[in-house]
Amino acid sequence: MSNLDKLKVKIFADGAEKAGILELAENPHVKGFTTNPTLMRQAGIPDYEAFCRDIIKEIPDRPFSFEVFADDFDEMERQAMNITEWGENVYVKIPITNTKGEFCGDLVEKLAGRGLKLNVTALMTLQQVNDIVPRLKGTPASYVSVFAGRIADTGRDPVPLMADCVKALAVDPALELIWASPRELLNIFQADEIGCQVITVTHAVLKKLGLVGKDLDEYSLETVKMFYADGQQAGFSL
């Protein structure tokens, strides 16, 4: 776990804050970027398309995934056709269902048939993966994003499921599995071990990359010093 250069899994930065994205673009370990409407709203983005076009102009050499935000499949299709025109490195994110729970398979099949690069997102079950893989036939390249972190939030171990998802996508070399919403740096190494092709990582977790392989005795002493310094600065007394 001491050498990030040996990792086969590609690390994509997940966020919507321009300065942070540009900073991470300087990190050779970051191979692509993803965002979503929630992150963009939290970042205070006022103009969706303007932000997206601006950021891919700054970073034209790595994949970016931008999500549709409609709930009607016809409107999703219109937005997808708009988004795909923004750049050769753009992947269009389509949720696995709309808010009514209606499966997006027909839309994905139509878009894949038109040659769009897609990122089908918000999946959490192997059944969803098995249902969507045949619909992606014909895509030049697409991602399937399984939200392993949210699965873990429910008390389930996501690793066996993600390993099964790797096998499910192996039928089509144009497809890559994304381990989405990781909660800790360890997830990068778990994803790598099972052969997952991509993991999306928040900016906060990426800041911990410098800890990889750190001497644990040294880390322990630094922690003790932190507790001591904070106690002194707080002026605690007994």
C-alpha atoms as a PDB file:
ATOM      1  CA  MET A   1       0.000   0.000   0.000  1.00  0.00           C
ATOM      2  CA  SER A   2       3.016   2.280  -0.152  1.00  0.00           C
ATOM      3  CA  ASN A   3       3.168   2.909  -3.887  1.00  0.00           C
ATOM      4  CA  LEU A   4       0.264   4.668  -5.576  1.00  0.00           C
ATOM      5  CA  ASP A   5       2.007   4.295  -8.918  1.00  0.00           C
ATOM      6  CA  LYS A   6       1.350   0.545  -8.816  1.00  0.00           C
ATOM      7  CA  LEU A   7      -2.412   0.995  -8.674  1.00  0.00           C
ATOM      8  CA  LYS A   8      -4.368  -0.200 -11.705  1.00  0.00           C
ATOM      9  CA  VAL A   9      -7.612   1.487 -10.621  1.00  0.00           C
ATOM     10  CA  LYS A  10      -7.994   4.994 -12.013  1.00  0.00           C
ATOM     11  CA  ILE A  11      -8.736   7.741  -9.501  1.00  0.00           C
ATOM     12  CA  PHE A  12     -11.336  10.305 -10.559  1.00  0.00           C
ATOM     13  CA  ALA A  13     -11.877  13.428  -8.449  1.00  0.00           C
ATOM     14  CA  ASP A  14     -15.503  14.043  -7.499  1.00  0.00           C
ATOM     15  CA  GLY A  15     -16.452  17.667  -6.860  1.00  0.00           C
ATOM     16  CA  ALA A  16     -17.680  20.973  -8.259  1.00  0.00           C
ATOM     17  CA  GLU A  17     -15.384  23.653  -6.881  1.00  0.00           C
ATOM     18  CA  LYS A  18     -13.283  25.071  -9.721  1.00  0.00           C
ATOM     19  CA  ALA A  19     -10.174  25.971  -7.745  1.00  0.00           C
ATOM     20  CA  GLY A  20     -10.086  22.516  -6.173  1.00  0.00           C
ATOM     21  CA  ILE A  21     -10.574  20.809  -9.531  1.00  0.00           C
ATOM     22  CA  LEU A  22      -7.744  22.790 -11.111  1.00  0.00           C
ATOM     23  CA  GLU A  23      -5.479  22.012  -8.176  1.00  0.00           C
ATOM     24  CA  LEU A  24      -6.218  18.283  -8.454  1.00  0.00           C
ATOM     25  CA  ALA A  25      -5.602  18.422 -12.189  1.00  0.00           C
ATOM     26  CA  GLU A  26      -1.938  18.950 -11.292  1.00  0.00           C
ATOM     27  CA  ASN A  27      -1.919  15.639  -9.385  1.00  0.00           C
ATOM     28  CA  PRO A  28      -0.662  12.862 -11.703  1.00  0.00           C
ATOM     29  CA  HIS A  29      -2.714  10.290  -9.787  1.00  0.00           C
ATOM     30  CA  VAL A  30      -5.998  11.970 -10.784  1.00  0.00           C
ATOM     31  CA  LYS A  31      -7.061  10.536 -14.155  1.00  0.00           C
ATOM     32  CA  GLY A  32     -10.519  12.084 -14.556  1.00  0.00           C
ATOM     33  CA  PHE A  33     -13.341  14.058 -12.959  1.00  0.00           C
ATOM     34  CA  THR A  34     -17.000  13.646 -12.068  1.00  0.00           C
ATOM     35  CA  THR A  35     -19.645  15.922 -10.619  1.00  0.00           C
ATOM     36  CA  ASN A  36     -23.417  15.964 -10.106  1.00  0.00           C
ATOM     37  CA  PRO A  37     -26.223  18.505  -9.577  1.00  0.00           C
ATOM     38  CA  THR A  38     -26.055  18.134  -5.785  1.00  0.00           C
ATOM     39  CA  LEU A  39     -22.344  18.971  -5.642  1.00  0.00           C
ATOM     40  CA  MET A  40     -22.839  21.866  -8.041  1.00  0.00           C
ATOM     41  CA  ARG A  41     -25.692  23.299  -5.992  1.00  0.00           C
ATOM     42  CA  GLN A  42     -23.578  23.005  -2.836  1.00  0.00           C
ATOM     43  CA  ALA A  43     -20.754  24.825  -4.615  1.00  0.00           C
ATOM     44  CA  GLY A  44     -23.122  27.649  -5.557  1.00  0.00           C
ATOM     45  CA  ILE A  45     -22.814  27.148  -9.320  1.00  0.00           C
ATOM     46  CA  PRO A  46     -25.281  29.643 -10.900  1.00  0.00           C
ATOM     47  CA  ASP A  47     -25.041  28.474 -14.527  1.00  0.00           C
ATOM     48  CA  TYR A  48     -24.739  24.718 -15.120  1.00  0.00           C
ATOM     49  CA  GLU A  49     -23.651  24.769 -18.751  1.00  0.00           C
ATOM     50  CA  ALA A  50     -21.302  27.719 -18.393  1.00  0.00           C
ATOM     51  CA  PHE A  51     -19.476  26.042 -15.511  1.00  0.00           C
ATOM     52  CA  CYS A  52     -19.140  22.745 -17.361  1.00  0.00           C
ATOM     53  CA  ARG A  53     -17.921  24.300 -20.588  1.00  0.00           C
ATOM     54  CA  ASP A  54     -15.424  26.444 -18.694  1.00  0.00           C
ATOM     55  CA  ILE A  55     -13.900  23.590 -16.701  1.00  0.00           C
ATOM     56  CA  ILE A  56     -13.440  21.246 -19.670  1.00  0.00           C
ATOM     57  CA  LYS A  57     -11.781  24.088 -21.554  1.00  0.00           C
ATOM     58  CA  GLU A  58      -9.288  24.263 -18.679  1.00  0.00           C
ATOM     59  CA  ILE A  59      -8.823  20.476 -18.593  1.00  0.00           C
ATOM     60  CA  PRO A  60      -9.474  19.034 -22.075  1.00  0.00           C
ATOM     61  CA  ASP A  61      -7.318  15.926 -21.756  1.00  0.00           C
ATOM     62  CA  ARG A  62      -9.176  13.850 -19.135  1.00  0.00           C
ATOM     63  CA  PRO A  63     -12.720  12.468 -18.935  1.00  0.00           C
ATOM     64  CA  PHE A  64     -15.442  14.543 -17.286  1.00  0.00           C
ATOM     65  CA  SER A  65     -18.881  13.221 -16.326  1.00  0.00           C
ATOM     66  CA  PHE A  66     -21.788  15.691 -16.252  1.00  0.00           C
ATOM     67  CA  GLU A  67     -25.294  14.641 -15.250  1.00  0.00           C
ATOM     68  CA  VAL A  68     -28.697  15.382 -16.725  1.00  0.00           C
ATOM     69  CA  PHE A  69     -31.085  16.845 -14.161  1.00  0.00           C
ATOM     70  CA  ALA A  70     -34.490  16.216 -15.729  1.00  0.00           C
ATOM     71  CA  ASP A  71     -36.970  13.572 -14.557  1.00  0.00           C
ATOM     72  CA  ASP A  72     -38.824  13.047 -17.847  1.00  0.00           C
ATOM     73  CA  PHE A  73     -37.000  10.698 -20.216  1.00  0.00           C
ATOM     74  CA  ASP A  74     -37.627  12.873 -23.275  1.00  0.00           C
ATOM     75  CA  GLU A  75     -36.115  15.854 -21.492  1.00  0.00           C
ATOM     76  CA  MET A  76     -33.231  13.708 -20.242  1.00  0.00           C
ATOM     77  CA  GLU A  77     -32.570  12.775 -23.865  1.00  0.00           C
ATOM     78  CA  ARG A  78     -32.585  16.415 -24.961  1.00  0.00           C
ATOM     79  CA  GLN A  79     -30.192  17.382 -22.158  1.00  0.00           C
ATOM     80  CA  ALA A  80     -27.920  14.418 -22.924  1.00  0.00           C
ATOM     81  CA  MET A  81     -27.641  15.427 -26.582  1.00  0.00           C
ATOM     82  CA  ASN A  82     -26.706  18.948 -25.472  1.00  0.00           C
ATOM     83  CA  ILE A  83     -24.132  17.814 -22.917  1.00  0.00           C
ATOM     84  CA  THR A  84     -22.370  15.418 -25.285  1.00  0.00           C
ATOM     85  CA  GLU A  85     -21.608  18.322 -27.643  1.00  0.00           C
ATOM     86  CA  TRP A  86     -19.498  20.099 -25.022  1.00  0.00           C
ATOM     87  CA  GLY A  87     -16.344  18.092 -25.654  1.00  0.00           C
ATOM     88  CA  GLU A  88     -14.772  14.827 -26.776  1.00  0.00           C
ATOM     89  CA  ASN A  89     -13.858  14.045 -23.182  1.00  0.00           C
ATOM     90  CA  VAL A  90     -17.445  14.379 -21.898  1.00  0.00           C
ATOM     91  CA  TYR A  91     -19.460  11.470 -20.509  1.00  0.00           C
ATOM     92  CA  VAL A  92     -23.176  12.014 -19.928  1.00  0.00           C
ATOM     93  CA  LYS A  93     -24.460  10.818 -16.559  1.00  0.00           C
ATOM     94  CA  ILE A  94     -27.892   9.170 -16.656  1.00  0.00           C
ATOM     95  CA  PRO A  95     -29.491   7.934 -13.386  1.00  0.00           C
ATOM     96  CA  ILE A  96     -30.518   4.277 -13.335  1.00  0.00           C
ATOM     97  CA  THR A  97     -34.145   5.355 -12.771  1.00  0.00           C
ATOM     98  CA  ASN A  98     -36.101   8.582 -12.598  1.00  0.00           C
ATOM     99  CA  THR A  99     -37.683   9.732  -9.330  1.00  0.00           C
ATOM    100  CA  LYS A 100     -40.706   7.512 -10.009  1.00  0.00           C
ATOM    101  CA  GLY A 101     -38.470   4.451 -10.045  1.00  0.00           C
ATOM    102  CA  GLU A 102     -38.886   3.967 -13.800  1.00  0.00           C
ATOM    103  CA  PHE A 103     -35.920   2.148 -15.360  1.00  0.00           C
ATOM    104  CA  CYS A 104     -33.792   4.233 -17.752  1.00  0.00           C
ATOM    105  CA  GLY A 105     -32.871   1.277 -19.979  1.00  0.00           C
ATOM    106  CA  ASP A 106     -34.686   2.407 -23.111  1.00  0.00           C
ATOM    107  CA  LEU A 107     -33.106   5.858 -22.948  1.00  0.00           C
ATOM    108  CA  VAL A 108     -29.633   4.441 -22.312  1.00  0.00           C
ATOM    109  CA  GLU A 109     -30.009   2.031 -25.222  1.00  0.00           C
ATOM    110  CA  LYS A 110     -31.060   4.867 -27.531  1.00  0.00           C
ATOM    111  CA  LEU A 111     -28.179   7.125 -26.478  1.00  0.00           C
ATOM    112  CA  ALA A 112     -25.611   4.326 -26.637  1.00  0.00           C
ATOM    113  CA  GLY A 113     -26.840   3.515 -30.129  1.00  0.00           C
ATOM    114  CA  ARG A 114     -26.157   7.099 -31.135  1.00  0.00           C
ATOM    115  CA  GLY A 115     -22.564   6.711 -29.981  1.00  0.00           C
ATOM    116  CA  LEU A 116     -22.738   8.723 -26.752  1.00  0.00           C
ATOM    117  CA  LYS A 117     -20.265   8.039 -23.975  1.00  0.00           C
ATOM    118  CA  LEU A 118     -22.397   7.489 -20.883  1.00  0.00           C
ATOM    119  CA  ASN A 119     -22.041   7.185 -17.146  1.00  0.00           C
ATOM    120  CA  VAL A 120     -25.056   5.344 -15.766  1.00  0.00           C
ATOM    121  CA  THR A 121     -25.195   6.379 -12.135  1.00  0.00           C
ATOM    122  CA  ALA A 122     -26.747   5.686  -8.710  1.00  0.00           C
ATOM    123  CA  LEU A 123     -26.792   1.890  -9.029  1.00  0.00           C
ATOM    124  CA  MET A 124     -26.729  -0.168  -5.823  1.00  0.00           C
ATOM    125  CA  THR A 125     -27.636  -3.742  -6.770  1.00  0.00           C
ATOM    126  CA  LEU A 126     -26.207  -6.429  -9.007  1.00  0.00           C
ATOM    127  CA  GLN A 127     -29.630  -6.776 -10.634  1.00  0.00           C
ATOM    128  CA  GLN A 128     -29.468  -3.143 -11.739  1.00  0.00           C
ATOM    129  CA  VAL A 129     -26.031  -3.773 -13.229  1.00  0.00           C
ATOM    130  CA  ASN A 130     -27.214  -6.887 -15.054  1.00  0.00           C
ATOM    131  CA  ASP A 131     -30.234  -4.988 -16.372  1.00  0.00           C
ATOM    132  CA  ILE A 132     -28.246  -2.029 -17.738  1.00  0.00           C
ATOM    133  CA  VAL A 133     -25.226  -3.784 -19.282  1.00  0.00           C
ATOM    134  CA  PRO A 134     -27.101  -5.114 -22.357  1.00  0.00           C
ATOM    135  CA  ARG A 135     -28.575  -1.633 -22.950  1.00  0.00           C
ATOM    136  CA  LEU A 136     -25.095  -0.154 -23.326  1.00  0.00           C
ATOM    137  CA  LYS A 137     -24.214  -2.271 -26.332  1.00  0.00           C
ATOM    138  CA  GLY A 138     -22.829  -0.059 -29.080  1.00  0.00           C
ATOM    139  CA  THR A 139     -21.446   2.666 -26.838  1.00  0.00           C
ATOM    140  CA  PRO A 140     -17.869   3.668 -27.740  1.00  0.00           C
ATOM    141  CA  ALA A 141     -17.080   3.795 -24.013  1.00  0.00           C
ATOM    142  CA  SER A 142     -19.219   4.072 -20.895  1.00  0.00           C
ATOM    143  CA  TYR A 143     -19.086   3.829 -17.123  1.00  0.00           C
ATOM    144  CA  VAL A 144     -21.437   2.090 -14.727  1.00  0.00           C
ATOM    145  CA  SER A 145     -21.325   3.800 -11.320  1.00  0.00           C
ATOM    146  CA  VAL A 146     -22.196   1.604  -8.347  1.00  0.00           C
ATOM    147  CA  PHE A 147     -22.446   3.555  -5.114  1.00  0.00           C
ATOM    148  CA  ALA A 148     -20.346   1.311  -2.891  1.00  0.00           C
ATOM    149  CA  GLY A 149     -20.032   3.980  -0.204  1.00  0.00           C
ATOM    150  CA  ARG A 150     -23.787   4.307   0.198  1.00  0.00           C
ATOM    151  CA  ILE A 151     -24.091   0.526   0.257  1.00  0.00           C
ATOM    152  CA  ALA A 152     -21.570   0.502   3.125  1.00  0.00           C
ATOM    153  CA  ASP A 153     -23.649   3.160   4.900  1.00  0.00           C
ATOM    154  CA  THR A 154     -26.421   0.558   5.240  1.00  0.00           C
ATOM    155  CA  GLY A 155     -24.145  -1.831   7.133  1.00  0.00           C
ATOM    156  CA  ARG A 156     -23.431  -4.042   4.114  1.00  0.00           C
ATOM    157  CA  ASP A 157     -19.933  -4.943   2.917  1.00  0.00           C
ATOM    158  CA  PRO A 158     -19.779  -3.624  -0.670  1.00  0.00           C
ATOM    159  CA  VAL A 159     -16.666  -5.553  -1.696  1.00  0.00           C
ATOM    160  CA  PRO A 160     -18.354  -8.872  -2.711  1.00  0.00           C
ATOM    161  CA  LEU A 161     -21.006  -6.989  -4.688  1.00  0.00           C
ATOM    162  CA  MET A 162     -18.424  -4.839  -6.444  1.00  0.00           C
ATOM    163  CA  ALA A 163     -16.405  -7.939  -7.347  1.00  0.00           C
ATOM    164  CA  ASP A 164     -19.540  -9.427  -8.927  1.00  0.00           C
ATOM    165  CA  CYS A 165     -20.117  -6.166 -10.811  1.00  0.00           C
ATOM    166  CA  VAL A 166     -16.596  -6.347 -12.267  1.00  0.00           C
ATOM    167  CA  LYS A 167     -17.475  -9.776 -13.674  1.00  0.00           C
ATOM    168  CA  ALA A 168     -20.819  -8.537 -14.996  1.00  0.00           C
ATOM    169  CA  LEU A 169     -19.155  -5.727 -16.986  1.00  0.00           C
ATOM    170  CA  ALA A 170     -16.414  -7.988 -18.349  1.00  0.00           C
ATOM    171  CA  VAL A 171     -18.711  -9.058 -21.200  1.00  0.00           C
ATOM    172  CA  ASP A 172     -18.135  -5.706 -22.931  1.00  0.00           C
ATOM    173  CA  PRO A 173     -14.636  -4.157 -23.116  1.00  0.00           C
ATOM    174  CA  ALA A 174     -16.208  -0.729 -23.735  1.00  0.00           C
ATOM    175  CA  LEU A 175     -17.591  -0.690 -20.182  1.00  0.00           C
ATOM    176  CA  GLU A 176     -15.791   0.248 -16.981  1.00  0.00           C
ATOM    177  CA  LEU A 177     -17.029  -0.039 -13.417  1.00  0.00           C
ATOM    178  CA  ILE A 178     -16.877   2.994 -11.133  1.00  0.00           C
ATOM    179  CA  TRP A 179     -16.657   2.457  -7.363  1.00  0.00           C
ATOM    180  CA  ALA A 180     -18.646   5.546  -6.409  1.00  0.00           C
ATOM    181  CA  SER A 181     -19.011   7.454  -3.123  1.00  0.00           C
ATOM    182  CA  PRO A 182     -16.054   5.956  -1.245  1.00  0.00           C
ATOM    183  CA  ARG A 183     -15.812   6.861   2.413  1.00  0.00           C
ATOM    184  CA  GLU A 184     -12.101   6.354   3.093  1.00  0.00           C
ATOM    185  CA  LEU A 185      -8.758   6.033   1.365  1.00  0.00           C
ATOM    186  CA  LEU A 186      -8.744   2.279   1.997  1.00  0.00           C
ATOM    187  CA  ASN A 187     -11.541   1.935  -0.559  1.00  0.00           C
ATOM    188  CA  ILE A 188      -9.070   2.824  -3.328  1.00  0.00           C
ATOM    189  CA  PHE A 189      -7.021  -0.267  -2.517  1.00  0.00           C
ATOM    190  CA  GLN A 190     -10.123  -2.434  -2.137  1.00  0.00           C
ATOM    191  CA  ALA A 191     -11.316  -1.312  -5.570  1.00  0.00           C
ATOM    192  CA  ASP A 192      -7.894  -2.005  -7.050  1.00  0.00           C
ATOM    193  CA  GLU A 193      -7.724  -5.489  -5.538  1.00  0.00           C
ATOM    194  CA  ILE A 194     -11.000  -6.652  -7.131  1.00  0.00           C
ATOM    195  CA  GLY A 195     -10.140  -5.207 -10.550  1.00  0.00           C
ATOM    196  CA  CYS A 196     -12.533  -2.251 -10.502  1.00  0.00           C
ATOM    197  CA  GLN A 197     -11.430   0.129 -13.240  1.00  0.00           C
ATOM    198  CA  VAL A 198     -12.318   3.513 -11.684  1.00  0.00           C
ATOM    199  CA  ILE A 199     -13.003   4.998  -8.265  1.00  0.00           C
ATOM    200  CA  THR A 200     -14.426   8.475  -7.724  1.00  0.00           C
ATOM    201  CA  VAL A 201     -12.916  10.193  -4.705  1.00  0.00           C
ATOM    202  CA  THR A 202     -13.940  13.425  -3.003  1.00  0.00           C
ATOM    203  CA  HIS A 203     -11.446  16.235  -2.639  1.00  0.00           C
ATOM    204  CA  ALA A 204     -11.402  15.714   1.145  1.00  0.00           C
ATOM    205  CA  VAL A 205     -10.376  12.067   0.830  1.00  0.00           C
ATOM    206  CA  LEU A 206      -7.834  12.850  -1.895  1.00  0.00           C
ATOM    207  CA  LYS A 207      -6.054  15.158   0.543  1.00  0.00           C
ATOM    208  CA  LYS A 208      -5.131  12.018   2.495  1.00  0.00           C
ATOM    209  CA  LEU A 209      -3.103  10.509  -0.358  1.00  0.00           C
ATOM    210  CA  GLY A 210       0.062  11.720   1.330  1.00  0.00           C
ATOM    211  CA  LEU A 211      -0.654   9.336   4.210  1.00  0.00           C
ATOM    212  CA  VAL A 212      -0.336   6.222   2.066  1.00  0.00           C
ATOM    213  CA  GLY A 213       2.426   4.022   3.510  1.00  0.00           C
ATOM    214  CA  LYS A 214       3.073   6.376   6.424  1.00  0.00           C
ATOM    215  CA  ASP A 215       4.978   4.876   9.372  1.00  0.00           C
ATOM    216  CA  LEU A 216       2.344   4.093  12.023  1.00  0.00           C
ATOM    217  CA  ASP A 217       4.647   4.750  14.996  1.00  0.00           C
ATOM    218  CA  GLU A 218       5.339   8.196  13.578  1.00  0.00           C
ATOM    219  CA  TYR A 219       1.631   8.733  12.947  1.00  0.00           C
ATOM    220  CA  SER A 220       0.853   7.678  16.511  1.00  0.00           C
ATOM    221  CA  LEU A 221       3.335  10.179  17.932  1.00  0.00           C
ATOM    222  CA  GLU A 222       1.925  12.967  15.741  1.00  0.00           C
ATOM    223  CA  THR A 223      -1.540  12.173  17.078  1.00  0.00           C
ATOM    224  CA  VAL A 224      -0.346  12.343  20.693  1.00  0.00           C
ATOM    225  CA  LYS A 225       1.315  15.687  19.986  1.00  0.00           C
ATOM    226  CA  MET A 226      -1.892  16.992  18.413  1.00  0.00           C
ATOM    227  CA  PHE A 227      -3.963  16.077  21.480  1.00  0.00           C
ATOM    228  CA  TYR A 228      -1.382  17.658  23.790  1.00  0.00           C
ATOM    229  CA  ALA A 229      -1.133  20.873  21.772  1.00  0.00           C
ATOM    230  CA  ASP A 230      -4.899  21.262  21.614  1.00  0.00           C
ATOM    231  CA  GLY A 231      -5.216  20.716  25.346  1.00  0.00           C
ATOM    232  CA  GLN A 232      -2.590  23.381  25.997  1.00  0.00           C
ATOM    233  CA  GLN A 233      -4.118  25.877  23.590  1.00  0.00           C
ATOM    234  CA  ALA A 234      -7.563  25.355  25.094  1.00  0.00           C
ATOM    235  CA  GLY A 235      -6.161  26.190  28.541  1.00  0.00           C
ATOM    236  CA  PHE A 236      -7.728  23.143  30.158  1.00  0.00           C
ATOM    237  CA  SER A 237      -6.978  22.511  33.840  1.00  0.00           C
ATOM    238  CA  LEU A 238      -8.027  19.980  36.458  1.00  0.00           C
END
